[in-house]
């Protein structure tokens, strides 16, 4: 066997995301959540990087996968969008 190589992709945060989340969380006092299709640990790392969660902070459901979100909401998001005719 011969090792051919490996690669990784990085999706950087868009400009202004950190500032927008800081404003929404700290100034507007909104509760911010991240729902992701990625692996939950990847989603947590992104949430930490952009300020949705902070080190050693334990906020219930601050980061969740789509399946968990659907269990909480009770129906797939696509059903909600379809019902609104969008």
N, C-alpha and C. Protein backbone atom coordinates (compact mmCIF):
# COMPACT_ATOMS: atom_id res chain seq x y z
N UNK A 1 0.82 -1.18 0.00
CA UNK A 1 0.00 0.00 0.00
C UNK A 1 0.87 1.25 0.00
N UNK A 2 0.38 2.26 -0.67
CA UNK A 2 1.09 3.53 -0.75
C UNK A 2 0.17 4.64 -0.29
N UNK A 3 0.66 5.45 0.65
CA UNK A 3 -0.12 6.59 1.12
C UNK A 3 -0.12 7.65 0.04
N UNK A 4 -1.28 8.06 -0.41
CA UNK A 4 -1.38 9.04 -1.48
C UNK A 4 -1.51 10.47 -0.95
N UNK A 5 -2.08 10.62 0.23
CA UNK A 5 -2.18 11.97 0.79
C UNK A 5 -3.50 12.19 1.49
N UNK A 6 -3.66 13.37 2.01
CA UNK A 6 -4.87 13.76 2.72
C UNK A 6 -5.08 15.25 2.52
N UNK A 7 -6.30 15.68 2.69
CA UNK A 7 -6.57 17.11 2.61
C UNK A 7 -7.69 17.47 3.58
N UNK A 8 -7.80 18.74 3.87
CA UNK A 8 -8.86 19.23 4.75
C UNK A 8 -9.36 20.56 4.19
N UNK A 9 -10.60 20.85 4.47
CA UNK A 9 -11.19 22.11 4.04
C UNK A 9 -11.52 22.94 5.27
N UNK A 10 -11.36 24.23 5.14
CA UNK A 10 -11.73 25.12 6.24
C UNK A 10 -12.68 26.16 5.68
N UNK A 11 -13.80 26.28 6.33
CA UNK A 11 -14.80 27.25 5.95
C UNK A 11 -14.69 28.43 6.90
N UNK A 12 -14.04 29.51 6.50
CA UNK A 12 -13.87 30.63 7.44
C UNK A 12 -15.19 31.34 7.70
N UNK A 13 -15.28 31.99 8.85
CA UNK A 13 -16.46 32.78 9.17
C UNK A 13 -16.52 33.98 8.22
N UNK A 14 -17.72 34.37 7.87
CA UNK A 14 -17.87 35.54 7.01
C UNK A 14 -17.56 36.81 7.81
N UNK A 15 -17.17 37.83 7.09
CA UNK A 15 -16.86 39.11 7.72
C UNK A 15 -18.09 39.62 8.46
N UNK A 16 -17.90 40.10 9.66
CA UNK A 16 -18.97 40.69 10.44
C UNK A 16 -19.75 39.74 11.32
N UNK A 17 -19.51 38.43 11.20
CA UNK A 17 -20.27 37.45 11.98
C UNK A 17 -20.02 37.63 13.47
N UNK A 18 -18.78 37.72 13.86
CA UNK A 18 -18.44 37.83 15.28
C UNK A 18 -19.07 39.09 15.88
N UNK A 19 -18.96 40.21 15.17
CA UNK A 19 -19.52 41.46 15.68
C UNK A 19 -21.05 41.38 15.75
N UNK A 20 -21.67 40.76 14.76
CA UNK A 20 -23.13 40.64 14.74
C UNK A 20 -23.64 39.78 15.90
N UNK A 21 -22.95 38.68 16.14
CA UNK A 21 -23.35 37.80 17.24
C UNK A 21 -23.12 38.50 18.58
N UNK A 22 -22.01 39.21 18.70
CA UNK A 22 -21.75 39.94 19.95
C UNK A 22 -22.85 40.96 20.20
N UNK A 23 -23.25 41.70 19.17
CA UNK A 23 -24.32 42.68 19.33
C UNK A 23 -25.63 41.99 19.72
N UNK A 24 -25.99 40.95 18.99
CA UNK A 24 -27.26 40.25 19.26
C UNK A 24 -27.28 39.65 20.66
N UNK A 25 -26.18 39.07 21.06
CA UNK A 25 -26.11 38.40 22.36
C UNK A 25 -25.99 39.38 23.52
N UNK A 26 -25.05 40.31 23.42
CA UNK A 26 -24.72 41.18 24.55
C UNK A 26 -25.54 42.47 24.60
N UNK A 27 -25.76 43.11 23.45
CA UNK A 27 -26.45 44.39 23.44
C UNK A 27 -27.97 44.22 23.29
N UNK A 28 -28.39 43.36 22.36
CA UNK A 28 -29.83 43.15 22.15
C UNK A 28 -30.39 42.10 23.10
N UNK A 29 -29.49 41.41 23.81
CA UNK A 29 -29.86 40.39 24.80
C UNK A 29 -30.72 39.27 24.20
N UNK A 30 -30.35 38.84 22.99
CA UNK A 30 -31.03 37.73 22.34
C UNK A 30 -30.35 36.42 22.70
N UNK A 31 -31.11 35.38 22.70
CA UNK A 31 -30.57 34.04 22.95
C UNK A 31 -30.21 33.43 21.60
N UNK A 32 -28.93 33.23 21.35
CA UNK A 32 -28.44 32.75 20.06
C UNK A 32 -28.25 31.25 20.11
N UNK A 33 -28.66 30.55 19.06
CA UNK A 33 -28.51 29.10 18.93
C UNK A 33 -27.87 28.77 17.59
N UNK A 34 -27.17 27.66 17.52
CA UNK A 34 -26.59 27.18 16.28
C UNK A 34 -27.15 25.79 16.00
N UNK A 35 -27.82 25.64 14.88
CA UNK A 35 -28.33 24.33 14.45
C UNK A 35 -27.51 23.96 13.23
N UNK A 36 -26.92 22.77 13.27
CA UNK A 36 -25.96 22.39 12.24
C UNK A 36 -26.18 20.98 11.73
N UNK A 37 -25.81 20.79 10.50
CA UNK A 37 -25.79 19.45 9.91
C UNK A 37 -24.43 18.79 10.08
N UNK A 38 -23.45 19.56 10.59
CA UNK A 38 -22.11 19.01 10.82
C UNK A 38 -22.10 18.15 12.07
N UNK A 39 -20.99 17.50 12.29
CA UNK A 39 -20.76 16.75 13.53
C UNK A 39 -20.90 17.74 14.68
N UNK A 40 -21.50 17.32 15.77
CA UNK A 40 -21.80 18.23 16.88
C UNK A 40 -20.55 18.89 17.45
N UNK A 41 -19.43 18.19 17.49
CA UNK A 41 -18.19 18.80 18.01
C UNK A 41 -17.67 19.88 17.07
N UNK A 42 -17.85 19.69 15.77
CA UNK A 42 -17.48 20.73 14.80
C UNK A 42 -18.36 21.95 15.00
N UNK A 43 -19.66 21.72 15.18
CA UNK A 43 -20.59 22.82 15.41
C UNK A 43 -20.25 23.58 16.69
N UNK A 44 -19.88 22.87 17.74
CA UNK A 44 -19.50 23.52 19.00
C UNK A 44 -18.25 24.38 18.81
N UNK A 45 -17.29 23.89 18.03
CA UNK A 45 -16.07 24.65 17.78
C UNK A 45 -16.39 25.94 17.03
N UNK A 46 -17.28 25.88 16.06
CA UNK A 46 -17.69 27.07 15.31
C UNK A 46 -18.42 28.04 16.24
N UNK A 47 -19.32 27.51 17.07
CA UNK A 47 -20.08 28.36 18.01
C UNK A 47 -19.14 29.06 18.99
N UNK A 48 -18.12 28.38 19.42
CA UNK A 48 -17.13 28.97 20.32
C UNK A 48 -16.34 30.05 19.61
N UNK A 49 -15.93 29.77 18.38
CA UNK A 49 -15.12 30.70 17.60
C UNK A 49 -15.87 32.00 17.31
N UNK A 50 -17.17 31.91 17.04
CA UNK A 50 -17.91 33.12 16.66
C UNK A 50 -18.64 33.77 17.83
N UNK A 51 -18.56 33.19 19.02
CA UNK A 51 -19.11 33.83 20.20
C UNK A 51 -20.52 33.42 20.59
N UNK A 52 -21.07 32.42 19.93
CA UNK A 52 -22.40 31.94 20.32
C UNK A 52 -22.33 31.32 21.70
N UNK A 53 -21.27 30.59 21.97
CA UNK A 53 -21.00 30.08 23.31
C UNK A 53 -19.62 30.57 23.73
N UNK A 54 -19.37 30.57 25.01
CA UNK A 54 -18.08 30.99 25.54
C UNK A 54 -17.47 29.84 26.33
N UNK A 55 -16.16 29.90 26.52
CA UNK A 55 -15.45 28.86 27.27
C UNK A 55 -16.16 28.57 28.59
N UNK A 56 -16.29 27.31 28.90
CA UNK A 56 -16.85 26.83 30.17
C UNK A 56 -18.27 27.33 30.43
N UNK A 57 -18.96 27.73 29.37
CA UNK A 57 -20.34 28.17 29.50
C UNK A 57 -21.24 26.99 29.15
N UNK A 58 -22.26 26.78 29.93
CA UNK A 58 -23.17 25.66 29.69
C UNK A 58 -24.58 26.19 29.47
N UNK A 59 -24.92 26.41 28.21
CA UNK A 59 -26.25 26.92 27.84
C UNK A 59 -27.00 25.77 27.18
N UNK A 60 -28.14 25.42 27.73
CA UNK A 60 -28.92 24.31 27.18
C UNK A 60 -29.28 24.56 25.72
N UNK A 61 -28.99 23.59 24.89
CA UNK A 61 -29.33 23.61 23.46
C UNK A 61 -28.75 24.79 22.70
N UNK A 62 -27.63 25.34 23.15
CA UNK A 62 -26.99 26.43 22.42
C UNK A 62 -26.47 25.94 21.08
N UNK A 63 -26.05 24.69 21.04
CA UNK A 63 -25.58 24.07 19.80
C UNK A 63 -26.27 22.72 19.69
N UNK A 64 -26.93 22.49 18.56
CA UNK A 64 -27.61 21.21 18.39
C UNK A 64 -27.60 20.80 16.92
N UNK A 65 -27.78 19.51 16.73
CA UNK A 65 -27.87 19.01 15.35
C UNK A 65 -29.32 19.10 14.89
N UNK A 66 -29.53 18.89 13.61
CA UNK A 66 -30.86 19.00 13.04
C UNK A 66 -31.87 18.05 13.65
N UNK A 67 -31.44 16.84 13.95
CA UNK A 67 -32.35 15.85 14.53
C UNK A 67 -32.85 16.30 15.90
N UNK A 68 -31.95 16.82 16.73
CA UNK A 68 -32.34 17.32 18.05
C UNK A 68 -33.29 18.50 17.91
N UNK A 69 -32.98 19.40 16.98
CA UNK A 69 -33.84 20.55 16.74
C UNK A 69 -35.25 20.11 16.35
N UNK A 70 -35.35 19.13 15.44
CA UNK A 70 -36.67 18.65 15.01
C UNK A 70 -37.43 18.01 16.16
N UNK A 71 -36.73 17.33 17.07
CA UNK A 71 -37.40 16.75 18.24
C UNK A 71 -37.98 17.83 19.13
N UNK A 72 -37.23 18.92 19.31
CA UNK A 72 -37.69 20.01 20.16
C UNK A 72 -38.84 20.77 19.51
N UNK A 73 -38.70 21.07 18.23
CA UNK A 73 -39.72 21.84 17.51
C UNK A 73 -40.94 20.99 17.21
N UNK A 74 -40.73 19.72 16.92
CA UNK A 74 -41.85 18.82 16.70
C UNK A 74 -42.14 18.50 15.25
N UNK A 75 -41.48 19.17 14.32
CA UNK A 75 -41.68 18.85 12.91
C UNK A 75 -40.47 19.31 12.12
N UNK A 76 -40.26 18.72 10.96
CA UNK A 76 -39.14 19.17 10.14
C UNK A 76 -39.33 20.62 9.71
N UNK A 77 -38.25 21.37 9.65
CA UNK A 77 -38.30 22.76 9.26
C UNK A 77 -38.91 22.94 7.88
N UNK A 78 -38.63 22.03 6.97
CA UNK A 78 -39.17 22.13 5.62
C UNK A 78 -40.70 22.13 5.65
N UNK A 79 -41.31 21.42 6.59
CA UNK A 79 -42.77 21.42 6.72
C UNK A 79 -43.28 22.80 7.13
N UNK A 80 -42.55 23.48 7.99
CA UNK A 80 -42.94 24.81 8.42
C UNK A 80 -42.86 25.77 7.25
N UNK A 81 -41.76 25.68 6.48
CA UNK A 81 -41.57 26.55 5.32
C UNK A 81 -42.64 26.27 4.28
N UNK A 82 -42.91 25.00 3.98
CA UNK A 82 -43.94 24.64 3.01
C UNK A 82 -45.31 25.16 3.42
N UNK A 83 -45.62 25.08 4.71
CA UNK A 83 -46.92 25.52 5.22
C UNK A 83 -47.11 27.02 5.04
N UNK A 84 -46.02 27.76 5.04
CA UNK A 84 -46.08 29.20 4.88
C UNK A 84 -46.06 29.61 3.41
N UNK A 85 -45.91 28.62 2.52
CA UNK A 85 -45.92 28.89 1.10
C UNK A 85 -44.69 29.57 0.56
N UNK A 86 -43.56 29.35 1.19
CA UNK A 86 -42.31 29.96 0.70
C UNK A 86 -41.45 28.94 0.02
